[in-house]
Amino acid sequence: RVTAGAEPLPTGVAPLASAWQVAHLPPGFRLAQRMFKWLPGSSAPATHLVVTDGVATVSVFVERPGPGRVPRVGSGRIGAASAYTTVVEGHQVTAVGEVPPRTVEAIARQVVPH
């Protein structure tokens, strides 16, 4: 099920959810949802893509860095969750999920404008 615009957008904010996709997913993964998400400290909604293999779920967030914010690149773990952050065409792309680190990295590196 793909859901666009799950949260209302304020007047004048361009919808970005349909503007991003994961070009190539790891074997067995598929796009389950596409929506908008307001992230703390953001002045605009992020695109939130949810991919799954039926067991594990990975959330992918694509956002424009706010004024004065520098996009980050790197990886990390919190408990069983792996995260990988990169920059694609000036947008911060972060993938998070309870999957191996190389899986979130592979997904984040395949995010492209649609």
Protein backbone atom coordinates (compact mmCIF):
# COMPACT_ATOMS: atom_id res chain seq x y z
CA ARG A 1 0.00 0.00 0.00
CA VAL A 2 1.48 3.34 -1.04
CA THR A 3 0.15 6.42 0.73
CA ALA A 4 1.14 9.88 -0.46
CA GLY A 5 0.60 12.96 1.68
CA ALA A 6 -0.27 11.11 4.90
CA GLU A 7 0.08 14.37 6.81
CA PRO A 8 -1.45 17.66 5.57
CA LEU A 9 0.91 20.13 3.97
CA PRO A 10 0.76 23.85 4.74
CA THR A 11 -0.07 26.23 1.92
CA GLY A 12 2.91 26.88 -0.34
CA VAL A 13 4.86 23.73 0.58
CA ALA A 14 5.58 21.61 -2.50
CA PRO A 15 4.85 17.90 -2.12
CA LEU A 16 8.14 15.96 -2.17
CA ALA A 17 6.92 12.43 -1.45
CA SER A 18 6.45 11.55 -5.08
CA ALA A 19 9.76 13.20 -5.98
CA TRP A 20 11.98 10.49 -4.42
CA GLN A 21 12.33 6.75 -4.91
CA VAL A 22 14.69 3.89 -4.15
CA ALA A 23 16.07 2.99 -7.57
CA HIS A 24 17.18 -0.56 -6.69
CA LEU A 25 16.07 -2.35 -3.54
CA PRO A 26 17.93 -5.32 -2.04
CA PRO A 27 16.49 -8.69 -3.12
CA GLY A 28 13.13 -9.40 -1.46
CA PHE A 29 12.44 -5.77 -0.44
CA ARG A 30 9.57 -3.69 -1.81
CA LEU A 31 8.16 -0.22 -1.27
CA ALA A 32 5.32 -0.45 1.29
CA GLN A 33 4.50 3.22 1.94
CA ARG A 34 5.35 6.71 0.76
CA MET A 35 4.26 9.68 2.88
CA PHE A 36 5.24 13.03 4.40
CA LYS A 37 6.62 13.31 7.92
CA TRP A 38 7.38 16.39 9.99
CA LEU A 39 10.73 15.86 11.69
CA PRO A 40 11.80 17.80 14.80
CA GLY A 41 13.59 21.02 13.89
CA SER A 42 12.52 20.90 10.24
CA SER A 43 10.86 23.81 8.47
CA ALA A 44 9.42 21.54 5.77
CA PRO A 45 8.09 17.99 5.73
CA ALA A 46 10.43 15.14 4.86
CA THR A 47 9.62 12.39 2.43
CA HIS A 48 9.21 9.13 4.36
CA LEU A 49 9.58 5.92 2.35
CA VAL A 50 8.98 2.58 4.06
CA VAL A 51 10.48 -0.55 2.50
CA THR A 52 10.06 -4.09 3.76
CA ASP A 53 10.94 -7.68 2.98
CA GLY A 54 7.88 -8.89 4.88
CA VAL A 55 9.84 -9.38 8.11
CA ALA A 56 12.06 -6.33 8.53
CA THR A 57 11.11 -2.72 7.82
CA VAL A 58 13.42 0.14 6.85
CA SER A 59 12.34 3.79 7.05
CA VAL A 60 13.98 6.21 4.65
CA PHE A 61 13.74 9.95 5.29
CA VAL A 62 14.62 12.56 2.66
CA GLU A 63 14.76 16.18 3.80
CA ARG A 64 16.17 19.51 2.78
CA PRO A 65 18.67 20.78 5.33
CA GLY A 66 17.41 23.93 7.01
CA PRO A 67 19.28 27.23 6.81
CA GLY A 68 22.71 26.91 8.39
CA ARG A 69 22.47 23.12 8.73
CA VAL A 70 25.17 21.07 7.06
CA PRO A 71 24.10 17.64 5.75
CA ARG A 72 25.84 14.72 7.45
CA VAL A 73 27.19 11.45 6.12
CA GLY A 74 27.84 8.37 8.23
CA SER A 75 26.51 5.28 9.94
CA GLY A 76 25.60 4.13 13.41
CA ARG A 77 23.73 1.62 15.53
CA ILE A 78 21.37 1.89 18.46
CA GLY A 79 20.61 -1.56 19.85
CA ALA A 80 19.36 -3.71 16.98
CA ALA A 81 18.71 -0.70 14.70
CA SER A 82 21.19 0.33 12.03
CA ALA A 83 21.26 3.78 10.44
CA TYR A 84 23.04 5.27 7.46
CA THR A 85 22.95 8.90 6.34
CA THR A 86 24.16 10.36 3.07
CA VAL A 87 23.54 13.36 0.82
CA VAL A 88 21.76 13.15 -2.53
CA GLU A 89 21.45 16.30 -4.63
CA GLY A 90 21.69 18.51 -1.55
CA HIS A 91 19.11 16.52 0.44
CA GLN A 92 19.81 14.57 3.61
CA VAL A 93 18.88 10.88 3.14
CA THR A 94 18.68 8.67 6.24
CA ALA A 95 17.75 4.97 6.30
CA VAL A 96 16.97 3.29 9.64
CA GLY A 97 15.92 -0.27 10.38
CA GLU A 98 16.54 -3.47 12.29
CA VAL A 99 18.60 -4.92 9.46
CA PRO A 100 22.35 -5.32 8.91
CA PRO A 101 24.29 -2.04 8.47
CA ARG A 102 25.13 -2.86 4.86
CA THR A 103 21.39 -3.15 4.07
CA VAL A 104 20.49 0.36 5.29
CA GLU A 105 23.55 1.72 3.49
CA ALA A 106 22.58 -0.05 0.25
CA ILE A 107 19.03 1.34 0.46
CA ALA A 108 20.12 4.91 1.29
CA ARG A 109 22.66 4.94 -1.55
CA GLN A 110 19.91 4.02 -4.03
CA VAL A 111 17.60 6.93 -3.21
CA VAL A 112 17.22 9.17 -6.26
CA PRO A 113 14.91 11.95 -7.44
CA HIS A 114 11.92 10.51 -9.26
